[in-house]
mmCIF file of all heavy atoms, coordinates in Angstrom:
data_MODEL
# 
_entry.id   MODEL 
# 
loop_
_atom_site.group_PDB 
_atom_site.id 
_atom_site.type_symbol 
_atom_site.label_atom_id 
_atom_site.label_alt_id 
_atom_site.label_comp_id 
_atom_site.label_asym_id 
_atom_site.label_entity_id 
_atom_site.label_seq_id 
_atom_site.pdbx_PDB_ins_code 
_atom_site.Cartn_x 
_atom_site.Cartn_y 
_atom_site.Cartn_z 
_atom_site.occupancy 
_atom_site.B_iso_or_equiv 
_atom_site.pdbx_formal_charge 
_atom_site.auth_seq_id 
_atom_site.auth_comp_id 
_atom_site.auth_asym_id 
_atom_site.auth_atom_id 
_atom_site.pdbx_PDB_model_num 
ATOM 1   N N   . GLY A 1 1  ? -115.628 126.331 97.319  1.00 0.00 ? 1  GLY A N   1 
ATOM 2   C CA  . GLY A 1 1  ? -114.375 126.508 97.851  1.00 0.00 ? 1  GLY A CA  1 
ATOM 3   C C   . GLY A 1 1  ? -113.763 125.186 98.601  1.00 0.00 ? 1  GLY A C   1 
ATOM 4   O O   . GLY A 1 1  ? -114.470 124.179 98.653  1.00 0.00 ? 1  GLY A O   1 
ATOM 5   N N   . PRO A 1 2  ? -112.633 125.295 99.275  1.00 0.00 ? 2  PRO A N   1 
ATOM 6   C CA  . PRO A 1 2  ? -112.123 124.101 99.942  1.00 0.00 ? 2  PRO A CA  1 
ATOM 7   C C   . PRO A 1 2  ? -112.888 123.791 101.213 1.00 0.00 ? 2  PRO A C   1 
ATOM 8   O O   . PRO A 1 2  ? -113.421 124.662 101.898 1.00 0.00 ? 2  PRO A O   1 
ATOM 9   C CB  . PRO A 1 2  ? -110.672 124.595 100.246 1.00 0.00 ? 2  PRO A CB  1 
ATOM 10  C CG  . PRO A 1 2  ? -110.656 126.120 100.259 1.00 0.00 ? 2  PRO A CG  1 
ATOM 11  C CD  . PRO A 1 2  ? -111.745 126.506 99.285  1.00 0.00 ? 2  PRO A CD  1 
ATOM 12  N N   . SER A 1 3  ? -112.845 122.467 101.550 1.00 0.00 ? 3  SER A N   1 
ATOM 13  C CA  . SER A 1 3  ? -113.388 122.039 102.769 1.00 0.00 ? 3  SER A CA  1 
ATOM 14  C C   . SER A 1 3  ? -112.565 120.904 103.253 1.00 0.00 ? 3  SER A C   1 
ATOM 15  O O   . SER A 1 3  ? -111.944 120.159 102.456 1.00 0.00 ? 3  SER A O   1 
ATOM 16  C CB  . SER A 1 3  ? -114.917 121.605 102.603 1.00 0.00 ? 3  SER A CB  1 
ATOM 17  O OG  . SER A 1 3  ? -114.996 120.694 101.519 1.00 0.00 ? 3  SER A OG  1 
ATOM 18  N N   . THR A 1 4  ? -112.595 120.604 104.530 1.00 0.00 ? 4  THR A N   1 
ATOM 19  C CA  . THR A 1 4  ? -111.682 119.551 105.072 1.00 0.00 ? 4  THR A CA  1 
ATOM 20  C C   . THR A 1 4  ? -112.538 118.547 105.703 1.00 0.00 ? 4  THR A C   1 
ATOM 21  O O   . THR A 1 4  ? -113.521 118.762 106.369 1.00 0.00 ? 4  THR A O   1 
ATOM 22  C CB  . THR A 1 4  ? -110.754 120.182 106.093 1.00 0.00 ? 4  THR A CB  1 
ATOM 23  O OG1 . THR A 1 4  ? -109.995 121.187 105.455 1.00 0.00 ? 4  THR A OG1 1 
ATOM 24  C CG2 . THR A 1 4  ? -109.789 119.177 106.587 1.00 0.00 ? 4  THR A CG2 1 
ATOM 25  N N   . HIS A 1 5  ? -112.197 117.171 105.414 1.00 0.00 ? 5  HIS A N   1 
ATOM 26  C CA  . HIS A 1 5  ? -113.057 116.080 105.857 1.00 0.00 ? 5  HIS A CA  1 
ATOM 27  C C   . HIS A 1 5  ? -112.159 114.886 106.296 1.00 0.00 ? 5  HIS A C   1 
ATOM 28  O O   . HIS A 1 5  ? -111.086 114.660 105.870 1.00 0.00 ? 5  HIS A O   1 
ATOM 29  C CB  . HIS A 1 5  ? -113.872 115.629 104.647 1.00 0.00 ? 5  HIS A CB  1 
ATOM 30  C CG  . HIS A 1 5  ? -114.587 116.609 104.029 1.00 0.00 ? 5  HIS A CG  1 
ATOM 31  N ND1 . HIS A 1 5  ? -115.850 117.113 104.443 1.00 0.00 ? 5  HIS A ND1 1 
ATOM 32  C CD2 . HIS A 1 5  ? -114.311 117.338 102.807 1.00 0.00 ? 5  HIS A CD2 1 
ATOM 33  C CE1 . HIS A 1 5  ? -116.219 118.041 103.604 1.00 0.00 ? 5  HIS A CE1 1 
ATOM 34  N NE2 . HIS A 1 5  ? -115.328 118.190 102.617 1.00 0.00 ? 5  HIS A NE2 1 
ATOM 35  N N   . ALA A 1 6  ? -112.818 114.100 107.235 1.00 0.00 ? 6  ALA A N   1 
ATOM 36  C CA  . ALA A 1 6  ? -112.150 112.789 107.603 1.00 0.00 ? 6  ALA A CA  1 
ATOM 37  C C   . ALA A 1 6  ? -112.985 111.782 106.750 1.00 0.00 ? 6  ALA A C   1 
ATOM 38  O O   . ALA A 1 6  ? -112.438 110.694 106.515 1.00 0.00 ? 6  ALA A O   1 
ATOM 39  C CB  . ALA A 1 6  ? -112.231 112.513 109.090 1.00 0.00 ? 6  ALA A CB  1 
ATOM 40  N N   . ALA A 1 7  ? -114.236 112.077 106.480 1.00 0.00 ? 7  ALA A N   1 
ATOM 41  C CA  . ALA A 1 7  ? -115.104 111.113 105.738 1.00 0.00 ? 7  ALA A CA  1 
ATOM 42  C C   . ALA A 1 7  ? -115.995 111.904 104.892 1.00 0.00 ? 7  ALA A C   1 
ATOM 43  O O   . ALA A 1 7  ? -116.462 112.957 105.233 1.00 0.00 ? 7  ALA A O   1 
ATOM 44  C CB  . ALA A 1 7  ? -115.856 110.254 106.699 1.00 0.00 ? 7  ALA A CB  1 
ATOM 45  N N   . PHE A 1 8  ? -116.343 111.459 103.640 1.00 0.00 ? 8  PHE A N   1 
ATOM 46  C CA  . PHE A 1 8  ? -117.164 112.168 102.738 1.00 0.00 ? 8  PHE A CA  1 
ATOM 47  C C   . PHE A 1 8  ? -117.570 111.247 101.598 1.00 0.00 ? 8  PHE A C   1 
ATOM 48  O O   . PHE A 1 8  ? -116.960 110.202 101.326 1.00 0.00 ? 8  PHE A O   1 
ATOM 49  C CB  . PHE A 1 8  ? -116.567 113.403 102.157 1.00 0.00 ? 8  PHE A CB  1 
ATOM 50  C CG  . PHE A 1 8  ? -115.337 113.322 101.397 1.00 0.00 ? 8  PHE A CG  1 
ATOM 51  C CD1 . PHE A 1 8  ? -115.349 113.183 99.995  1.00 0.00 ? 8  PHE A CD1 1 
ATOM 52  C CD2 . PHE A 1 8  ? -113.993 113.085 102.020 1.00 0.00 ? 8  PHE A CD2 1 
ATOM 53  C CE1 . PHE A 1 8  ? -114.291 113.041 99.245  1.00 0.00 ? 8  PHE A CE1 1 
ATOM 54  C CE2 . PHE A 1 8  ? -112.941 113.061 101.209 1.00 0.00 ? 8  PHE A CE2 1 
ATOM 55  C CZ  . PHE A 1 8  ? -113.065 112.949 99.843  1.00 0.00 ? 8  PHE A CZ  1 
ATOM 56  N N   . VAL A 1 9  ? -118.674 111.641 100.803 1.00 0.00 ? 9  VAL A N   1 
ATOM 57  C CA  . VAL A 1 9  ? -118.936 111.037 99.563  1.00 0.00 ? 9  VAL A CA  1 
ATOM 58  C C   . VAL A 1 9  ? -118.798 112.176 98.509  1.00 0.00 ? 9  VAL A C   1 
ATOM 59  O O   . VAL A 1 9  ? -119.281 113.219 98.675  1.00 0.00 ? 9  VAL A O   1 
ATOM 60  C CB  . VAL A 1 9  ? -120.436 110.549 99.560  1.00 0.00 ? 9  VAL A CB  1 
ATOM 61  C CG1 . VAL A 1 9  ? -120.792 109.945 98.234  1.00 0.00 ? 9  VAL A CG1 1 
ATOM 62  C CG2 . VAL A 1 9  ? -120.694 109.553 100.614 1.00 0.00 ? 9  VAL A CG2 1 
ATOM 63  N N   . ALA A 1 10 ? -118.033 111.838 97.534  1.00 0.00 ? 10 ALA A N   1 
ATOM 64  C CA  . ALA A 1 10 ? -117.890 112.719 96.364  1.00 0.00 ? 10 ALA A CA  1 
ATOM 65  C C   . ALA A 1 10 ? -118.987 112.455 95.390  1.00 0.00 ? 10 ALA A C   1 
ATOM 66  O O   . ALA A 1 10 ? -119.140 111.362 94.955  1.00 0.00 ? 10 ALA A O   1 
ATOM 67  C CB  . ALA A 1 10 ? -116.516 112.560 95.797  1.00 0.00 ? 10 ALA A CB  1 
ATOM 68  N N   . GLY A 1 11 ? -119.694 113.467 95.017  1.00 0.00 ? 11 GLY A N   1 
ATOM 69  C CA  . GLY A 1 11 ? -120.687 113.422 94.023  1.00 0.00 ? 11 GLY A CA  1 
ATOM 70  C C   . GLY A 1 11 ? -120.203 113.555 92.662  1.00 0.00 ? 11 GLY A C   1 
ATOM 71  O O   . GLY A 1 11 ? -119.044 113.702 92.402  1.00 0.00 ? 11 GLY A O   1 
ATOM 72  N N   . LEU A 1 12 ? -121.123 113.529 91.720  1.00 0.00 ? 12 LEU A N   1 
ATOM 73  C CA  . LEU A 1 12 ? -120.777 113.767 90.259  1.00 0.00 ? 12 LEU A CA  1 
ATOM 74  C C   . LEU A 1 12 ? -120.439 115.175 90.051  1.00 0.00 ? 12 LEU A C   1 
ATOM 75  O O   . LEU A 1 12 ? -121.170 116.054 90.627  1.00 0.00 ? 12 LEU A O   1 
ATOM 76  C CB  . LEU A 1 12 ? -122.007 113.403 89.300  1.00 0.00 ? 12 LEU A CB  1 
ATOM 77  C CG  . LEU A 1 12 ? -122.450 111.895 89.453  1.00 0.00 ? 12 LEU A CG  1 
ATOM 78  C CD1 . LEU A 1 12 ? -123.780 111.676 88.702  1.00 0.00 ? 12 LEU A CD1 1 
ATOM 79  C CD2 . LEU A 1 12 ? -121.319 110.908 88.987  1.00 0.00 ? 12 LEU A CD2 1 
ATOM 80  N N   . MET A 1 13 ? -119.304 115.522 89.424  1.00 0.00 ? 13 MET A N   1 
ATOM 81  C CA  . MET A 1 13 ? -118.758 116.794 89.263  1.00 0.00 ? 13 MET A CA  1 
ATOM 82  C C   . MET A 1 13 ? -118.632 117.198 87.747  1.00 0.00 ? 13 MET A C   1 
ATOM 83  O O   . MET A 1 13 ? -118.311 116.289 87.025  1.00 0.00 ? 13 MET A O   1 
ATOM 84  C CB  . MET A 1 13 ? -117.484 116.951 89.984  1.00 0.00 ? 13 MET A CB  1 
ATOM 85  C CG  . MET A 1 13 ? -117.666 116.771 91.508  1.00 0.00 ? 13 MET A CG  1 
ATOM 86  S SD  . MET A 1 13 ? -116.008 117.032 92.363  1.00 0.00 ? 13 MET A SD  1 
ATOM 87  C CE  . MET A 1 13 ? -115.051 115.671 91.734  1.00 0.00 ? 13 MET A CE  1 
ATOM 88  N N   . PRO A 1 14 ? -118.628 118.464 87.465  1.00 0.00 ? 14 PRO A N   1 
ATOM 89  C CA  . PRO A 1 14 ? -118.393 118.881 86.098  1.00 0.00 ? 14 PRO A CA  1 
ATOM 90  C C   . PRO A 1 14 ? -116.936 118.985 85.694  1.00 0.00 ? 14 PRO A C   1 
ATOM 91  O O   . PRO A 1 14 ? -116.580 119.168 84.588  1.00 0.00 ? 14 PRO A O   1 
ATOM 92  C CB  . PRO A 1 14 ? -118.975 120.284 86.159  1.00 0.00 ? 14 PRO A CB  1 
ATOM 93  C CG  . PRO A 1 14 ? -118.845 120.816 87.498  1.00 0.00 ? 14 PRO A CG  1 
ATOM 94  C CD  . PRO A 1 14 ? -119.078 119.568 88.303  1.00 0.00 ? 14 PRO A CD  1 
ATOM 95  N N   . GLY A 1 15 ? -116.018 118.821 86.711  1.00 0.00 ? 15 GLY A N   1 
ATOM 96  C CA  . GLY A 1 15 ? -114.613 118.912 86.492  1.00 0.00 ? 15 GLY A CA  1 
ATOM 97  C C   . GLY A 1 15 ? -113.828 118.313 87.550  1.00 0.00 ? 15 GLY A C   1 
ATOM 98  O O   . GLY A 1 15 ? -114.380 117.731 88.486  1.00 0.00 ? 15 GLY A O   1 
ATOM 99  N N   . PRO A 1 16 ? -112.471 118.294 87.527  1.00 0.00 ? 16 PRO A N   1 
ATOM 100 C CA  . PRO A 1 16 ? -111.669 117.665 88.496  1.00 0.00 ? 16 PRO A CA  1 
ATOM 101 C C   . PRO A 1 16 ? -111.767 118.487 89.888  1.00 0.00 ? 16 PRO A C   1 
ATOM 102 O O   . PRO A 1 16 ? -112.033 119.523 89.936  1.00 0.00 ? 16 PRO A O   1 
ATOM 103 C CB  . PRO A 1 16 ? -110.188 117.766 88.020  1.00 0.00 ? 16 PRO A CB  1 
ATOM 104 C CG  . PRO A 1 16 ? -110.283 118.973 87.013  1.00 0.00 ? 16 PRO A CG  1 
ATOM 105 C CD  . PRO A 1 16 ? -111.683 118.990 86.492  1.00 0.00 ? 16 PRO A CD  1 
ATOM 106 N N   . ALA A 1 17 ? -111.317 117.670 90.931  1.00 0.00 ? 17 ALA A N   1 
ATOM 107 C CA  . ALA A 1 17 ? -111.236 118.177 92.298  1.00 0.00 ? 17 ALA A CA  1 
ATOM 108 C C   . ALA A 1 17 ? -109.791 118.226 92.708  1.00 0.00 ? 17 ALA A C   1 
ATOM 109 O O   . ALA A 1 17 ? -109.080 117.345 92.221  1.00 0.00 ? 17 ALA A O   1 
ATOM 110 C CB  . ALA A 1 17 ? -112.041 117.361 93.214  1.00 0.00 ? 17 ALA A CB  1 
ATOM 111 N N   . ASP A 1 18 ? -109.378 119.122 93.429  1.00 0.00 ? 18 ASP A N   1 
ATOM 112 C CA  . ASP A 1 18 ? -107.972 119.132 93.974  1.00 0.00 ? 18 ASP A CA  1 
ATOM 113 C C   . ASP A 1 18 ? -108.088 118.721 95.462  1.00 0.00 ? 18 ASP A C   1 
ATOM 114 O O   . ASP A 1 18 ? -108.985 119.167 96.217  1.00 0.00 ? 18 ASP A O   1 
ATOM 115 C CB  . ASP A 1 18 ? -107.352 120.637 93.900  1.00 0.00 ? 18 ASP A CB  1 
ATOM 116 C CG  . ASP A 1 18 ? -107.165 121.043 92.476  1.00 0.00 ? 18 ASP A CG  1 
ATOM 117 O OD1 . ASP A 1 18 ? -106.645 120.178 91.746  1.00 0.00 ? 18 ASP A OD1 1 
ATOM 118 O OD2 . ASP A 1 18 ? -107.605 122.125 92.109  1.00 0.00 ? 18 ASP A OD2 1 
ATOM 119 N N   . THR A 1 19 ? -107.121 117.855 95.840  1.00 0.00 ? 19 THR A N   1 
ATOM 120 C CA  . THR A 1 19 ? -107.047 117.402 97.213  1.00 0.00 ? 19 THR A CA  1 
ATOM 121 C C   . THR A 1 19 ? -105.653 117.623 97.807  1.00 0.00 ? 19 THR A C   1 
ATOM 122 O O   . THR A 1 19 ? -104.692 117.653 97.011  1.00 0.00 ? 19 THR A O   1 
ATOM 123 C CB  . THR A 1 19 ? -107.423 115.923 97.392  1.00 0.00 ? 19 THR A CB  1 
ATOM 124 O OG1 . THR A 1 19 ? -106.419 115.100 96.644  1.00 0.00 ? 19 THR A OG1 1 
ATOM 125 C CG2 . THR A 1 19 ? -108.764 115.573 96.810  1.00 0.00 ? 19 THR A CG2 1 
ATOM 126 N N   . SER A 1 20 ? -105.562 117.706 99.156  1.00 0.00 ? 20 SER A N   1 
ATOM 127 C CA  . SER A 1 20 ? -104.253 117.899 99.841  1.00 0.00 ? 20 SER A CA  1 
ATOM 128 C C   . SER A 1 20 ? -104.374 117.348 101.236 1.00 0.00 ? 20 SER A C   1 
ATOM 129 O O   . SER A 1 20 ? -105.468 117.367 101.835 1.00 0.00 ? 20 SER A O   1 
ATOM 130 C CB  . SER A 1 20 ? -103.786 119.299 99.764  1.00 0.00 ? 20 SER A CB  1 
ATOM 131 O OG  . SER A 1 20 ? -104.684 120.153 100.523 1.00 0.00 ? 20 SER A OG  1 
ATOM 132 N N   . PHE A 1 21 ? -103.283 117.007 101.786 1.00 0.00 ? 21 PHE A N   1 
ATOM 133 C CA  . PHE A 1 21 ? -103.152 116.582 103.200 1.00 0.00 ? 21 PHE A CA  1 
ATOM 134 C C   . PHE A 1 21 ? -101.689 116.627 103.569 1.00 0.00 ? 21 PHE A C   1 
ATOM 135 O O   . PHE A 1 21 ? -100.827 116.757 102.643 1.00 0.00 ? 21 PHE A O   1 
ATOM 136 C CB  . PHE A 1 21 ? -103.690 115.109 103.474 1.00 0.00 ? 21 PHE A CB  1 
ATOM 137 C CG  . PHE A 1 21 ? -102.751 114.010 103.043 1.00 0.00 ? 21 PHE A CG  1 
ATOM 138 C CD1 . PHE A 1 21 ? -101.987 113.423 103.948 1.00 0.00 ? 21 PHE A CD1 1 
ATOM 139 C CD2 . PHE A 1 21 ? -102.712 113.524 101.714 1.00 0.00 ? 21 PHE A CD2 1 
ATOM 140 C CE1 . PHE A 1 21 ? -101.036 112.451 103.539 1.00 0.00 ? 21 PHE A CE1 1 
ATOM 141 C CE2 . PHE A 1 21 ? -101.837 112.577 101.331 1.00 0.00 ? 21 PHE A CE2 1 
ATOM 142 C CZ  . PHE A 1 21 ? -101.031 112.017 102.217 1.00 0.00 ? 21 PHE A CZ  1 
ATOM 143 N N   . ARG A 1 22 ? -101.402 116.602 104.822 1.00 0.00 ? 22 ARG A N   1 
ATOM 144 C CA  . ARG A 1 22 ? -100.084 116.500 105.360 1.00 0.00 ? 22 ARG A CA  1 
ATOM 145 C C   . ARG A 1 22 ? -99.919  115.369 106.360 1.00 0.00 ? 22 ARG A C   1 
ATOM 146 O O   . ARG A 1 22 ? -100.917 115.142 107.115 1.00 0.00 ? 22 ARG A O   1 
ATOM 147 C CB  . ARG A 1 22 ? -99.682  117.852 106.224 1.00 0.00 ? 22 ARG A CB  1 
ATOM 148 C CG  . ARG A 1 22 ? -99.508  118.961 105.249 1.00 0.00 ? 22 ARG A CG  1 
ATOM 149 C CD  . ARG A 1 22 ? -99.086  120.238 106.145 1.00 0.00 ? 22 ARG A CD  1 
ATOM 150 N NE  . ARG A 1 22 ? -98.795  121.368 105.394 1.00 0.00 ? 22 ARG A NE  1 
ATOM 151 C CZ  . ARG A 1 22 ? -97.632  121.594 104.812 1.00 0.00 ? 22 ARG A CZ  1 
ATOM 152 N NH1 . ARG A 1 22 ? -96.695  120.774 104.933 1.00 0.00 ? 22 ARG A NH1 1 
ATOM 153 N NH2 . ARG A 1 22 ? -97.442  122.585 104.037 1.00 0.00 ? 22 ARG A NH2 1 
ATOM 154 N N   . GLY A 1 23 ? -98.807  114.705 106.326 1.00 0.00 ? 23 GLY A N   1 
ATOM 155 C CA  . GLY A 1 23 ? -98.575  113.647 107.393 1.00 0.00 ? 23 GLY A CA  1 
ATOM 156 C C   . GLY A 1 23 ? -98.984  112.250 107.054 1.00 0.00 ? 23 GLY A C   1 
ATOM 157 O O   . GLY A 1 23 ? -98.553  111.759 106.010 1.00 0.00 ? 23 GLY A O   1 
ATOM 158 N N   . LYS A 1 24 ? -99.735  111.621 107.860 1.00 0.00 ? 24 LYS A N   1 
ATOM 159 C CA  . LYS A 1 24 ? -100.157 110.240 107.773 1.00 0.00 ? 24 LYS A CA  1 
ATOM 160 C C   . LYS A 1 24 ? -101.662 110.150 107.484 1.00 0.00 ? 24 LYS A C   1 
ATOM 161 O O   . LYS A 1 24 ? -102.442 110.823 108.105 1.00 0.00 ? 24 LYS A O   1 
ATOM 162 C CB  . LYS A 1 24 ? -99.795  109.439 108.996 1.00 0.00 ? 24 LYS A CB  1 
ATOM 163 C CG  . LYS A 1 24 ? -98.428  109.427 109.329 1.00 0.00 ? 24 LYS A CG  1 
ATOM 164 C CD  . LYS A 1 24 ? -98.151  108.759 110.638 1.00 0.00 ? 24 LYS A CD  1 
ATOM 165 C CE  . LYS A 1 24 ? -96.694  108.795 110.947 1.00 0.00 ? 24 LYS A CE  1 
ATOM 166 N NZ  . LYS A 1 24 ? -96.517  108.066 112.324 1.00 0.00 ? 24 LYS A NZ  1 
ATOM 167 N N   . ARG A 1 25 ? -102.065 109.280 106.504 1.00 0.00 ? 25 ARG A N   1 
ATOM 168 C CA  . ARG A 1 25 ? -103.432 109.138 106.217 1.00 0.00 ? 25 ARG A CA  1 
ATOM 169 C C   . ARG A 1 25 ? -103.705 107.616 105.874 1.00 0.00 ? 25 ARG A C   1 
ATOM 170 O O   . ARG A 1 25 ? -102.936 106.980 105.100 1.00 0.00 ? 25 ARG A O   1 
ATOM 171 C CB  . ARG A 1 25 ? -103.901 109.819 104.888 1.00 0.00 ? 25 ARG A CB  1 
ATOM 172 C CG  . ARG A 1 25 ? -104.708 110.979 105.154 1.00 0.00 ? 25 ARG A CG  1 
ATOM 173 C CD  . ARG A 1 25 ? -105.112 111.680 103.822 1.00 0.00 ? 25 ARG A CD  1 
ATOM 174 N NE  . ARG A 1 25 ? -106.451 111.213 103.579 1.00 0.00 ? 25 ARG A NE  1 
ATOM 175 C CZ  . ARG A 1 25 ? -106.897 110.642 102.510 1.00 0.00 ? 25 ARG A CZ  1 
ATOM 176 N NH1 . ARG A 1 25 ? -106.030 110.291 101.560 1.00 0.00 ? 25 ARG A NH1 1 
ATOM 177 N NH2 . ARG A 1 25 ? -108.142 110.318 102.339 1.00 0.00 ? 25 ARG A NH2 1 
ATOM 178 N N   . ASP A 1 26 ? -104.596 107.082 106.539 1.00 0.00 ? 26 ASP A N   1 
ATOM 179 C CA  . ASP A 1 26 ? -105.013 105.729 106.243 1.00 0.00 ? 26 ASP A CA  1 
ATOM 180 C C   . ASP A 1 26 ? -106.463 105.850 105.845 1.00 0.00 ? 26 ASP A C   1 
ATOM 181 O O   . ASP A 1 26 ? -107.369 106.571 106.531 1.00 0.00 ? 26 ASP A O   1 
ATOM 182 C CB  . ASP A 1 26 ? -104.988 104.771 107.502 1.00 0.00 ? 26 ASP A CB  1 
ATOM 183 C CG  . ASP A 1 26 ? -103.528 104.614 107.906 1.00 0.00 ? 26 ASP A CG  1 
ATOM 184 O OD1 . ASP A 1 26 ? -102.656 104.422 106.995 1.00 0.00 ? 26 ASP A OD1 1 
ATOM 185 O OD2 . ASP A 1 26 ? -103.239 104.641 109.140 1.00 0.00 ? 26 ASP A OD2 1 
ATOM 186 N N   . CYS A 1 27 ? -106.923 105.159 104.807 1.00 0.00 ? 27 CYS A N   1 
ATOM 187 C CA  . CYS A 1 27 ? -108.339 105.419 104.347 1.00 0.00 ? 27 CYS A CA  1 
ATOM 188 C C   . CYS A 1 27 ? -108.832 104.261 103.540 1.00 0.00 ? 27 CYS A C   1 
ATOM 189 O O   . CYS A 1 27 ? -108.036 103.423 103.090 1.00 0.00 ? 27 CYS A O   1 
ATOM 190 C CB  . CYS A 1 27 ? -108.478 106.707 103.529 1.00 0.00 ? 27 CYS A CB  1 
ATOM 191 S SG  . CYS A 1 27 ? -107.527 106.768 102.008 1.00 0.00 ? 27 CYS A SG  1 
# 
């Protein structure tokens, strides 16, 4: 399910991931 992060490592996945945010993001 969904999880919320400021920092993470995305692993190898069997399909696409969906992402979302609101406002300002610098990364």
